[in-house]
Amino acid sequence: MVFLGIDPGYATVGFGALQYEAGRFHVLGYGAVTTGPEKRFSERLYEVHQDMLSLIDRFRPDAMAVEELFFHSNQKTVIQVGQARGVILLAAEIRGCPLYEYTPLQVKQAVVGYGRAEKRQVMELTRRILELPSIPRPDDAADALALAICHAHTARSAMPDKFGR
């Protein structure tokens, strides 16, 4: 099965695509798509949406795992990230890609085994689980891969029809 993890944003959107078979991971690709600050916000949202459609077409995931919003102190940023997250969810819906959402705590629990783990621990365990020579960069890509791992670890209960149940 192929899972696409997405770390939402409007300036930088992290993505990570994994194939998960027989309890083993194979990295299909990861990175980040970016939008320029010189553009109008609506243009940036359009670019994020188009990039998400392209990523779904490229990797053809069985499911997408997207991080739920975590409220920071800056309300303007949270609203803008929420809008970007909306166009990401729309892209999944347009392509008919099943969508699963996870909180940062759920991702940490799935990857590290401890919901209050430090970001650095999650990044290092993501590297080890995927047998990568170094921690994926940018951080948004590492976060997206961690989301895909999180979904793979919970996919048996979240997607029982795909696992023959």
Foldseek 3Di string as FASTA:
>chain_A
DKEWFWEFALAKIWIWIWDADPNAIDTPDIDIDGDDPVDDLVVSLVVLLVVLLVVCVVRVGLAYEYEDDDDDPDPVRSVSRVSSVVSNVVSCVVVVHHYHYDYQQLLCCQQVVGSPDDLVSQQVSLCVRNVHPDRDPDSNNSVRSSRRSSCVSVVCVVPVVVVPD
